[in-house]
Amino acid sequence: FRVREFSDGSSFIKYLNSEKPDLVVLDLMLTDADGFEICKYMKRK
């Protein structure tokens, strides 16, 4: 698989503004973001 790694939610959100992964493996308790909020963001797009 091609893998893109992100150690924080903000860099992942920036990536989502220009790219679309086929699958996301997401930690729900990130230090800078709430994984549930990232899921909600993705659902709205």
All heavy atoms as atom14 arrays in JSON, in Angstrom:
{
  "sequence": "FRVREFSDGSSFIKYLNSEKPDLVVLDLMLTDADGFEICKYMKRK",
  "atom14_mask": [
    [1, 1, 1, 1, 1, 1, 1, 1, 1, 1, 1, 0, 0, 0],
    [1, 1, 1, 1, 1, 1, 1, 1, 1, 1, 1, 0, 0, 0],
    [1, 1, 1, 1, 1, 1, 1, 0, 0, 0, 0, 0, 0, 0],
    [1, 1, 1, 1, 1, 1, 1, 1, 1, 1, 1, 0, 0, 0],
    [1, 1, 1, 1, 1, 1, 1, 1, 1, 0, 0, 0, 0, 0],
    [1, 1, 1, 1, 1, 1, 1, 1, 1, 1, 1, 0, 0, 0],
    [1, 1, 1, 1, 1, 1, 0, 0, 0, 0, 0, 0, 0, 0],
    [1, 1, 1, 1, 1, 1, 1, 1, 0, 0, 0, 0, 0, 0],
    [1, 1, 1, 1, 0, 0, 0, 0, 0, 0, 0, 0, 0, 0],
    [1, 1, 1, 1, 1, 1, 0, 0, 0, 0, 0, 0, 0, 0],
    [1, 1, 1, 1, 1, 1, 0, 0, 0, 0, 0, 0, 0, 0],
    [1, 1, 1, 1, 1, 1, 1, 1, 1, 1, 1, 0, 0, 0],
    [1, 1, 1, 1, 1, 1, 1, 1, 0, 0, 0, 0, 0, 0],
    [1, 1, 1, 1, 1, 1, 1, 1, 1, 0, 0, 0, 0, 0],
    [1, 1, 1, 1, 1, 1, 1, 1, 1, 1, 1, 1, 0, 0],
    [1, 1, 1, 1, 1, 1, 1, 1, 0, 0, 0, 0, 0, 0],
    [1, 1, 1, 1, 1, 1, 1, 1, 0, 0, 0, 0, 0, 0],
    [1, 1, 1, 1, 1, 1, 0, 0, 0, 0, 0, 0, 0, 0],
    [1, 1, 1, 1, 1, 1, 1, 1, 1, 0, 0, 0, 0, 0],
    [1, 1, 1, 1, 1, 1, 1, 1, 1, 0, 0, 0, 0, 0],
    [1, 1, 1, 1, 1, 1, 1, 0, 0, 0, 0, 0, 0, 0],
    [1, 1, 1, 1, 1, 1, 1, 1, 0, 0, 0, 0, 0, 0],
    [1, 1, 1, 1, 1, 1, 1, 1, 0, 0, 0, 0, 0, 0],
    [1, 1, 1, 1, 1, 1, 1, 0, 0, 0, 0, 0, 0, 0],
    [1, 1, 1, 1, 1, 1, 1, 0, 0, 0, 0, 0, 0, 0],
    [1, 1, 1, 1, 1, 1, 1, 1, 0, 0, 0, 0, 0, 0],
    [1, 1, 1, 1, 1, 1, 1, 1, 0, 0, 0, 0, 0, 0],
    [1, 1, 1, 1, 1, 1, 1, 1, 0, 0, 0, 0, 0, 0],
    [1, 1, 1, 1, 1, 1, 1, 1, 0, 0, 0, 0, 0, 0],
    [1, 1, 1, 1, 1, 1, 1, 1, 0, 0, 0, 0, 0, 0],
    [1, 1, 1, 1, 1, 1, 1, 0, 0, 0, 0, 0, 0, 0],
    [1, 1, 1, 1, 1, 1, 1, 1, 0, 0, 0, 0, 0, 0],
    [1, 1, 1, 1, 1, 0, 0, 0, 0, 0, 0, 0, 0, 0],
    [1, 1, 1, 1, 1, 1, 1, 1, 0, 0, 0, 0, 0, 0],
    [1, 1, 1, 1, 0, 0, 0, 0, 0, 0, 0, 0, 0, 0],
    [1, 1, 1, 1, 1, 1, 1, 1, 1, 1, 1, 0, 0, 0],
    [1, 1, 1, 1, 1, 1, 1, 1, 1, 0, 0, 0, 0, 0],
    [1, 1, 1, 1, 1, 1, 1, 1, 0, 0, 0, 0, 0, 0],
    [1, 1, 1, 1, 1, 1, 0, 0, 0, 0, 0, 0, 0, 0],
    [1, 1, 1, 1, 1, 1, 1, 1, 1, 0, 0, 0, 0, 0],
    [1, 1, 1, 1, 1, 1, 1, 1, 1, 1, 1, 1, 0, 0],
    [1, 1, 1, 1, 1, 1, 1, 1, 0, 0, 0, 0, 0, 0],
    [1, 1, 1, 1, 1, 1, 1, 1, 1, 0, 0, 0, 0, 0],
    [1, 1, 1, 1, 1, 1, 1, 1, 1, 1, 1, 0, 0, 0],
    [1, 1, 1, 1, 1, 1, 1, 1, 1, 0, 0, 0, 0, 0]
  ],
  "atom14_positions": [
    [[0.85, -1.18, 0.0], [0.0, 0.0, 0.0], [0.89, 1.23, 0.0], [2.0, 1.23, 0.53], [-0.9, 0.04, 1.24], [-1.96, -1.01, 1.26], [-1.81, -2.16, 2.01], [-3.11, -0.86, 0.5], [-2.79, -3.14, 2.02], [-4.1, -1.82, 0.5], [-3.93, -2.97, 1.26], [0.0, 0.0, 0.0], [0.0, 0.0, 0.0], [0.0, 0.0, 0.0]],
    [[0.4, 2.3, -0.61], [1.05, 3.6, -0.48], [0.57, 4.19, 0.84], [-0.63, 4.21, 1.1], [0.67, 4.53, -1.63], [1.45, 4.24, -2.88], [1.12, 5.22, -3.95], [-0.24, 4.88, -4.38], [-1.0, 5.61, -5.15], [-0.57, 6.76, -5.6], [-2.2, 5.22, -5.51], [0.0, 0.0, 0.0], [0.0, 0.0, 0.0], [0.0, 0.0, 0.0]],
    [[1.49, 4.66, 1.65], [1.13, 5.13, 2.98], [1.56, 6.59, 3.14], [2.67, 6.96, 2.78], [1.81, 4.27, 4.07], [1.49, 4.8, 5.46], [1.38, 2.81, 3.94], [0.0, 0.0, 0.0], [0.0, 0.0, 0.0], [0.0, 0.0, 0.0], [0.0, 0.0, 0.0], [0.0, 0.0, 0.0], [0.0, 0.0, 0.0], [0.0, 0.0, 0.0]],
    [[0.66, 7.39, 3.66], [0.96, 8.76, 4.05], [0.84, 8.81, 5.56], [-0.18, 8.41, 6.12], [-0.04, 9.75, 3.42], [0.05, 9.86, 1.91], [1.36, 10.47, 1.43], [1.76, 11.66, 2.18], [1.61, 12.9, 1.76], [1.09, 13.15, 0.59], [1.99, 13.9, 2.52], [0.0, 0.0, 0.0], [0.0, 0.0, 0.0], [0.0, 0.0, 0.0]],
    [[1.87, 9.28, 6.24], [1.9, 9.31, 7.7], [1.69, 10.73, 8.22], [2.28, 11.67, 7.69], [3.26, 8.81, 8.21], [3.55, 7.38, 7.84], [4.94, 6.96, 8.3], [5.71, 7.79, 8.83], [5.27, 5.78, 8.09], [0.0, 0.0, 0.0], [0.0, 0.0, 0.0], [0.0, 0.0, 0.0], [0.0, 0.0, 0.0], [0.0, 0.0, 0.0]],
    [[0.9, 10.83, 9.28], [0.63, 12.12, 9.92], [0.68, 11.94, 11.43], [0.01, 11.06, 11.97], [-0.74, 12.67, 9.5], [-0.86, 12.84, 8.03], [-1.36, 11.82, 7.24], [-0.42, 14.0, 7.41], [-1.45, 11.95, 5.86], [-0.49, 14.15, 6.04], [-1.01, 13.12, 5.26], [0.0, 0.0, 0.0], [0.0, 0.0, 0.0], [0.0, 0.0, 0.0]],
    [[1.46, 12.78, 12.09], [1.58, 12.67, 13.55], [0.69, 13.68, 14.28], [0.71, 13.74, 15.5], [3.04, 12.86, 13.98], [3.52, 14.09, 13.54], [0.0, 0.0, 0.0], [0.0, 0.0, 0.0], [0.0, 0.0, 0.0], [0.0, 0.0, 0.0], [0.0, 0.0, 0.0], [0.0, 0.0, 0.0], [0.0, 0.0, 0.0], [0.0, 0.0, 0.0]],
    [[-0.1, 14.44, 13.52], [-1.03, 15.39, 14.14], [-2.22, 15.63, 13.22], [-2.14, 15.41, 12.02], [-0.34, 16.71, 14.49], [0.26, 17.38, 13.28], [-0.51, 17.96, 12.5], [1.5, 17.29, 13.1], [0.0, 0.0, 0.0], [0.0, 0.0, 0.0], [0.0, 0.0, 0.0], [0.0, 0.0, 0.0], [0.0, 0.0, 0.0], [0.0, 0.0, 0.0]],
    [[-3.29, 16.07, 13.81], [-4.52, 16.28, 13.06], [-4.46, 17.45, 12.1], [-5.03, 17.38, 11.0], [0.0, 0.0, 0.0], [0.0, 0.0, 0.0], [0.0, 0.0, 0.0], [0.0, 0.0, 0.0], [0.0, 0.0, 0.0], [0.0, 0.0, 0.0], [0.0, 0.0, 0.0], [0.0, 0.0, 0.0], [0.0, 0.0, 0.0], [0.0, 0.0, 0.0]],
    [[-3.75, 18.5, 12.46], [-3.72, 19.69, 11.59], [-3.02, 19.41, 10.26], [-3.48, 19.86, 9.21], [-3.1, 20.88, 12.31], [-1.79, 20.57, 12.72], [0.0, 0.0, 0.0], [0.0, 0.0, 0.0], [0.0, 0.0, 0.0], [0.0, 0.0, 0.0], [0.0, 0.0, 0.0], [0.0, 0.0, 0.0], [0.0, 0.0, 0.0], [0.0, 0.0, 0.0]],
    [[-1.93, 18.68, 10.28], [-1.25, 18.36, 9.02], [-2.1, 17.4, 8.18], [-2.09, 17.49, 6.95], [0.14, 17.79, 9.26], [0.09, 16.58, 9.98], [0.0, 0.0, 0.0], [0.0, 0.0, 0.0], [0.0, 0.0, 0.0], [0.0, 0.0, 0.0], [0.0, 0.0, 0.0], [0.0, 0.0, 0.0], [0.0, 0.0, 0.0], [0.0, 0.0, 0.0]],
    [[-2.85, 16.54, 8.83], [-3.74, 15.64, 8.1], [-4.87, 16.42, 7.42], [-5.19, 16.17, 6.26], [-4.31, 14.57, 9.03], [-5.28, 13.65, 8.36], [-4.9, 12.88, 7.27], [-6.59, 13.54, 8.82], [-5.8, 12.02, 6.64], [-7.48, 12.69, 8.21], [-7.1, 11.94, 7.12], [0.0, 0.0, 0.0], [0.0, 0.0, 0.0], [0.0, 0.0, 0.0]],
    [[-5.44, 17.39, 8.12], [-6.5, 18.22, 7.53], [-5.96, 18.99, 6.32], [-6.63, 19.07, 5.29], [-7.09, 19.19, 8.58], [-7.84, 18.43, 9.66], [-7.99, 20.23, 7.92], [-9.11, 17.75, 9.22], [0.0, 0.0, 0.0], [0.0, 0.0, 0.0], [0.0, 0.0, 0.0], [0.0, 0.0, 0.0], [0.0, 0.0, 0.0], [0.0, 0.0, 0.0]],
    [[-4.75, 19.52, 6.42], [-4.15, 20.22, 5.27], [-4.01, 19.27, 4.08], [-4.27, 19.65, 2.94], [-2.78, 20.79, 5.65], [-2.85, 21.99, 6.54], [-1.47, 22.48, 6.87], [-1.54, 23.59, 7.89], [-0.21, 24.02, 8.33], [0.0, 0.0, 0.0], [0.0, 0.0, 0.0], [0.0, 0.0, 0.0], [0.0, 0.0, 0.0], [0.0, 0.0, 0.0]],
    [[-3.58, 18.05, 4.35], [-3.45, 17.04, 3.3], [-4.81, 16.77, 2.64], [-4.9, 16.68, 1.42], [-2.88, 15.75, 3.92], [-3.02, 14.52, 3.08], [-2.16, 14.26, 2.02], [-4.0, 13.57, 3.37], [-2.27, 13.11, 1.26], [-4.12, 12.41, 2.62], [-3.25, 12.19, 1.56], [-3.37, 11.05, 0.82], [0.0, 0.0, 0.0], [0.0, 0.0, 0.0]],
    [[-5.87, 16.69, 3.45], [-7.2, 16.41, 2.91], [-7.72, 17.52, 2.0], [-8.59, 17.29, 1.18], [-8.21, 16.19, 4.05], [-8.05, 14.91, 4.86], [-9.08, 14.89, 5.98], [-8.19, 13.68, 3.97], [0.0, 0.0, 0.0], [0.0, 0.0, 0.0], [0.0, 0.0, 0.0], [0.0, 0.0, 0.0], [0.0, 0.0, 0.0], [0.0, 0.0, 0.0]],
    [[-7.18, 18.71, 2.14], [-7.61, 19.82, 1.28], [-7.1, 19.67, -0.15], [-7.61, 20.31, -1.05], [-7.18, 21.15, 1.86], [-7.98, 21.5, 3.09], [-9.16, 21.21, 3.17], [-7.34, 22.09, 4.07], [0.0, 0.0, 0.0], [0.0, 0.0, 0.0], [0.0, 0.0, 0.0], [0.0, 0.0, 0.0], [0.0, 0.0, 0.0], [0.0, 0.0, 0.0]],
    [[-6.09, 18.8, -0.34], [-5.55, 18.63, -1.69], [-5.52, 17.19, -2.18], [-5.39, 16.95, -3.37], [-4.13, 19.21, -1.76], [-3.29, 18.51, -0.87], [0.0, 0.0, 0.0], [0.0, 0.0, 0.0], [0.0, 0.0, 0.0], [0.0, 0.0, 0.0], [0.0, 0.0, 0.0], [0.0, 0.0, 0.0], [0.0, 0.0, 0.0], [0.0, 0.0, 0.0]],
    [[-5.65, 16.24, -1.27], [-5.58, 14.82, -1.63], [-6.75, 14.06, -1.03], [-7.37, 14.51, -0.07], [-4.27, 14.2, -1.11], [-3.02, 14.85, -1.63], [-2.77, 14.57, -3.11], [-3.17, 13.48, -3.59], [-2.18, 15.44, -3.77], [0.0, 0.0, 0.0], [0.0, 0.0, 0.0], [0.0, 0.0, 0.0], [0.0, 0.0, 0.0], [0.0, 0.0, 0.0]],
    [[-7.02, 12.88, -1.61], [-8.09, 12.03, -1.09], [-7.55, 10.6, -0.93], [-7.34, 9.91, -1.92], [-9.28, 12.03, -2.05], [-10.42, 11.18, -1.56], [-11.54, 11.14, -2.55], [-12.54, 10.11, -2.1], [-13.12, 9.39, -3.19], [0.0, 0.0, 0.0], [0.0, 0.0, 0.0], [0.0, 0.0, 0.0], [0.0, 0.0, 0.0], [0.0, 0.0, 0.0]],
    [[-7.33, 10.17, 0.31], [-6.86, 8.8, 0.51], [-7.99, 7.8, 0.26], [-9.18, 8.16, 0.31], [-6.43, 8.78, 1.97], [-7.3, 9.81, 2.62], [-7.5, 10.88, 1.57], [0.0, 0.0, 0.0], [0.0, 0.0, 0.0], [0.0, 0.0, 0.0], [0.0, 0.0, 0.0], [0.0, 0.0, 0.0], [0.0, 0.0, 0.0], [0.0, 0.0, 0.0]],
    [[-7.63, 6.56, 0.01], [-8.64, 5.52, -0.16], [-9.16, 5.02, 1.18], [-10.29, 4.55, 1.28], [-8.04, 4.35, -0.95], [-7.64, 4.78, -2.34], [-8.54, 5.12, -3.13], [-6.43, 4.81, -2.63], [0.0, 0.0, 0.0], [0.0, 0.0, 0.0], [0.0, 0.0, 0.0], [0.0, 0.0, 0.0], [0.0, 0.0, 0.0], [0.0, 0.0, 0.0]],
    [[-8.32, 5.11, 2.2], [-8.65, 4.64, 3.54], [-7.89, 5.49, 4.55], [-6.77, 5.93, 4.27], [-8.26, 3.17, 3.71], [-8.43, 2.54, 5.09], [-9.91, 2.33, 5.4], [-7.69, 1.2, 5.15], [0.0, 0.0, 0.0], [0.0, 0.0, 0.0], [0.0, 0.0, 0.0], [0.0, 0.0, 0.0], [0.0, 0.0, 0.0], [0.0, 0.0, 0.0]],
    [[-8.48, 5.69, 5.73], [-7.81, 6.44, 6.8], [-7.79, 5.57, 8.05], [-8.81, 5.03, 8.46], [-8.55, 7.76, 7.12], [-7.89, 8.49, 8.27], [-8.63, 8.64, 5.88], [0.0, 0.0, 0.0], [0.0, 0.0, 0.0], [0.0, 0.0, 0.0], [0.0, 0.0, 0.0], [0.0, 0.0, 0.0], [0.0, 0.0, 0.0], [0.0, 0.0, 0.0]],
    [[-6.6, 5.42, 8.64], [-6.45, 4.79, 9.95], [-6.2, 5.94, 10.91], [-5.15, 6.6, 10.84], [-5.29, 3.77, 9.98], [-5.14, 3.17, 11.37], [-5.5, 2.68, 8.93], [0.0, 0.0, 0.0], [0.0, 0.0, 0.0], [0.0, 0.0, 0.0], [0.0, 0.0, 0.0], [0.0, 0.0, 0.0], [0.0, 0.0, 0.0], [0.0, 0.0, 0.0]],
    [[-7.16, 6.2, 11.8], [-7.17, 7.44, 12.57], [-7.22, 7.18, 14.06], [-8.11, 6.49, 14.56], [-8.41, 8.26, 12.15], [-8.7, 9.55, 12.88], [-7.59, 10.56, 12.65], [-10.04, 10.11, 12.42], [0.0, 0.0, 0.0], [0.0, 0.0, 0.0], [0.0, 0.0, 0.0], [0.0, 0.0, 0.0], [0.0, 0.0, 0.0], [0.0, 0.0, 0.0]],
    [[-6.25, 7.75, 14.78], [-6.26, 7.75, 16.24], [-7.32, 8.76, 16.67], [-7.35, 9.89, 16.19], [-4.88, 8.16, 16.75], [-4.77, 8.17, 18.27], [-5.73, 7.78, 18.96], [-3.71, 8.58, 18.76], [0.0, 0.0, 0.0], [0.0, 0.0, 0.0], [0.0, 0.0, 0.0], [0.0, 0.0, 0.0], [0.0, 0.0, 0.0], [0.0, 0.0, 0.0]],
    [[-8.21, 8.35, 17.56], [-9.29, 9.25, 17.97], [-8.85, 10.26, 19.02], [-9.5, 11.28, 19.21], [-10.48, 8.45, 18.48], [-11.16, 7.58, 17.42], [-12.31, 6.8, 18.04], [-11.65, 8.43, 16.27], [0.0, 0.0, 0.0], [0.0, 0.0, 0.0], [0.0, 0.0, 0.0], [0.0, 0.0, 0.0], [0.0, 0.0, 0.0], [0.0, 0.0, 0.0]],
    [[-7.75, 9.98, 19.72], [-7.3, 10.88, 20.79], [-5.94, 11.46, 20.43], [-4.91, 11.08, 20.97], [-7.24, 10.13, 22.12], [-8.61, 9.65, 22.56], [-8.73, 8.88, 24.19], [-7.16, 8.22, 24.54], [0.0, 0.0, 0.0], [0.0, 0.0, 0.0], [0.0, 0.0, 0.0], [0.0, 0.0, 0.0], [0.0, 0.0, 0.0], [0.0, 0.0, 0.0]],
    [[-5.93, 12.4, 19.51], [-4.72, 13.09, 19.12], [-4.45, 14.24, 20.07], [-5.39, 14.78, 20.68], [-4.86, 13.63, 17.69], [-5.06, 12.57, 16.61], [-5.54, 13.22, 15.33], [-3.78, 11.79, 16.39], [0.0, 0.0, 0.0], [0.0, 0.0, 0.0], [0.0, 0.0, 0.0], [0.0, 0.0, 0.0], [0.0, 0.0, 0.0], [0.0, 0.0, 0.0]],
    [[-3.2, 14.65, 20.19], [-2.89, 15.74, 21.11], [-3.41, 17.09, 20.64], [-3.75, 17.95, 21.45], [-1.36, 15.85, 21.33], [-0.72, 15.96, 20.07], [-0.83, 14.65, 22.08], [0.0, 0.0, 0.0], [0.0, 0.0, 0.0], [0.0, 0.0, 0.0], [0.0, 0.0, 0.0], [0.0, 0.0, 0.0], [0.0, 0.0, 0.0], [0.0, 0.0, 0.0]],
    [[-3.5, 17.29, 19.33], [-3.92, 18.61, 18.82], [-5.32, 18.62, 18.21], [-5.78, 19.65, 17.76], [-2.92, 19.12, 17.79], [-3.03, 18.38, 16.46], [-3.39, 17.18, 16.48], [-2.77, 18.99, 15.42], [0.0, 0.0, 0.0], [0.0, 0.0, 0.0], [0.0, 0.0, 0.0], [0.0, 0.0, 0.0], [0.0, 0.0, 0.0], [0.0, 0.0, 0.0]],
    [[-5.98, 17.46, 18.16], [-7.29, 17.4, 17.52], [-8.09, 16.23, 18.06], [-7.53, 15.27, 18.6], [-7.13, 17.27, 16.01], [0.0, 0.0, 0.0], [0.0, 0.0, 0.0], [0.0, 0.0, 0.0], [0.0, 0.0, 0.0], [0.0, 0.0, 0.0], [0.0, 0.0, 0.0], [0.0, 0.0, 0.0], [0.0, 0.0, 0.0], [0.0, 0.0, 0.0]],
    [[-9.37, 16.3, 17.91], [-10.28, 15.22, 18.28], [-10.57, 14.4, 17.02], [-11.05, 14.94, 16.02], [-11.56, 15.84, 18.83], [-12.6, 14.82, 19.26], [-12.56, 13.67, 18.79], [-13.46, 15.19, 20.07], [0.0, 0.0, 0.0], [0.0, 0.0, 0.0], [0.0, 0.0, 0.0], [0.0, 0.0, 0.0], [0.0, 0.0, 0.0], [0.0, 0.0, 0.0]],
    [[-10.25, 13.13, 17.05], [-10.48, 12.26, 15.9], [-11.93, 12.25, 15.44], [-12.21, 12.14, 14.25], [0.0, 0.0, 0.0], [0.0, 0.0, 0.0], [0.0, 0.0, 0.0], [0.0, 0.0, 0.0], [0.0, 0.0, 0.0], [0.0, 0.0, 0.0], [0.0, 0.0, 0.0], [0.0, 0.0, 0.0], [0.0, 0.0, 0.0], [0.0, 0.0, 0.0]],
    [[-12.86, 12.37, 16.38], [-14.27, 12.4, 16.01], [-14.58, 13.66, 15.19], [-15.38, 13.61, 14.25], [-15.17, 12.34, 17.25], [-15.13, 11.0, 17.93], [-14.53, 10.86, 19.16], [-15.71, 9.89, 17.34], [-14.49, 9.63, 19.79], [-15.67, 8.66, 17.95], [-15.06, 8.52, 19.19], [0.0, 0.0, 0.0], [0.0, 0.0, 0.0], [0.0, 0.0, 0.0]],
    [[-13.96, 14.78, 15.55], [-14.17, 16.02, 14.8], [-13.59, 15.9, 13.39], [-14.15, 16.42, 12.43], [-13.57, 17.21, 15.54], [-14.31, 17.59, 16.79], [-15.76, 17.93, 16.55], [-16.07, 18.63, 15.56], [-16.61, 17.49, 17.36], [0.0, 0.0, 0.0], [0.0, 0.0, 0.0], [0.0, 0.0, 0.0], [0.0, 0.0, 0.0], [0.0, 0.0, 0.0]],
    [[-12.47, 15.21, 13.26], [-11.89, 14.98, 11.93], [-12.84, 14.13, 11.1], [-13.06, 14.41, 9.92], [-10.5, 14.33, 12.04], [-9.51, 15.33, 12.65], [-10.02, 13.86, 10.67], [-8.15, 14.76, 12.96], [0.0, 0.0, 0.0], [0.0, 0.0, 0.0], [0.0, 0.0, 0.0], [0.0, 0.0, 0.0], [0.0, 0.0, 0.0], [0.0, 0.0, 0.0]],
    [[-13.44, 13.12, 11.71], [-14.43, 12.29, 10.99], [-15.62, 13.14, 10.54], [-16.09, 13.0, 9.4], [-14.92, 11.15, 11.88], [-13.74, 9.83, 12.13], [0.0, 0.0, 0.0], [0.0, 0.0, 0.0], [0.0, 0.0, 0.0], [0.0, 0.0, 0.0], [0.0, 0.0, 0.0], [0.0, 0.0, 0.0], [0.0, 0.0, 0.0], [0.0, 0.0, 0.0]],
    [[-16.1, 14.0, 11.4], [-17.22, 14.88, 11.05], [-16.83, 15.81, 9.89], [-17.63, 16.04, 8.98], [-17.66, 15.71, 12.26], [-18.36, 14.89, 13.31], [-18.71, 15.76, 14.51], [-19.26, 14.94, 15.65], [-19.51, 15.75, 16.85], [0.0, 0.0, 0.0], [0.0, 0.0, 0.0], [0.0, 0.0, 0.0], [0.0, 0.0, 0.0], [0.0, 0.0, 0.0]],
    [[-15.62, 16.34, 9.95], [-15.12, 17.2, 8.87], [-15.13, 16.44, 7.55], [-15.58, 16.96, 6.52], [-13.7, 17.67, 9.22], [-12.99, 18.37, 8.09], [-13.25, 19.71, 7.82], [-12.08, 17.7, 7.29], [-12.6, 20.37, 6.78], [-11.43, 18.33, 6.25], [-11.69, 19.67, 6.0], [-11.05, 20.3, 4.97], [0.0, 0.0, 0.0], [0.0, 0.0, 0.0]],
    [[-14.66, 15.2, 7.57], [-14.63, 14.39, 6.35], [-16.04, 14.11, 5.83], [-16.27, 14.11, 4.63], [-13.87, 13.09, 6.61], [-12.38, 13.29, 6.82], [-11.51, 11.77, 7.23], [-11.72, 10.85, 5.69], [0.0, 0.0, 0.0], [0.0, 0.0, 0.0], [0.0, 0.0, 0.0], [0.0, 0.0, 0.0], [0.0, 0.0, 0.0], [0.0, 0.0, 0.0]],
    [[-16.98, 13.87, 6.71], [-18.36, 13.6, 6.29], [-18.99, 14.81, 5.63], [-19.81, 14.69, 4.72], [-19.22, 13.17, 7.5], [-19.02, 11.75, 7.9], [-19.6, 10.86, 6.85], [-19.54, 9.42, 7.26], [-19.8, 8.53, 6.17], [0.0, 0.0, 0.0], [0.0, 0.0, 0.0], [0.0, 0.0, 0.0], [0.0, 0.0, 0.0], [0.0, 0.0, 0.0]],
    [[-18.62, 16.02, 6.09], [-19.18, 17.25, 5.51], [-18.64, 17.54, 4.12], [-19.28, 18.22, 3.33], [-18.9, 18.44, 6.43], [-19.72, 18.45, 7.69], [-19.59, 19.77, 8.44], [-18.24, 20.12, 8.8], [-17.65, 19.86, 9.96], [-18.31, 19.22, 10.9], [-16.41, 20.24, 10.19], [0.0, 0.0, 0.0], [0.0, 0.0, 0.0], [0.0, 0.0, 0.0]],
    [[-17.44, 17.05, 3.82], [-16.84, 17.29, 2.51], [-17.34, 16.22, 1.53], [-17.1, 15.04, 1.74], [-15.31, 17.26, 2.6], [-14.75, 18.46, 3.33], [-13.26, 18.58, 3.17], [-12.86, 18.69, 1.77], [-12.13, 19.83, 1.32], [0.0, 0.0, 0.0], [0.0, 0.0, 0.0], [0.0, 0.0, 0.0], [0.0, 0.0, 0.0], [0.0, 0.0, 0.0]]
  ]
}
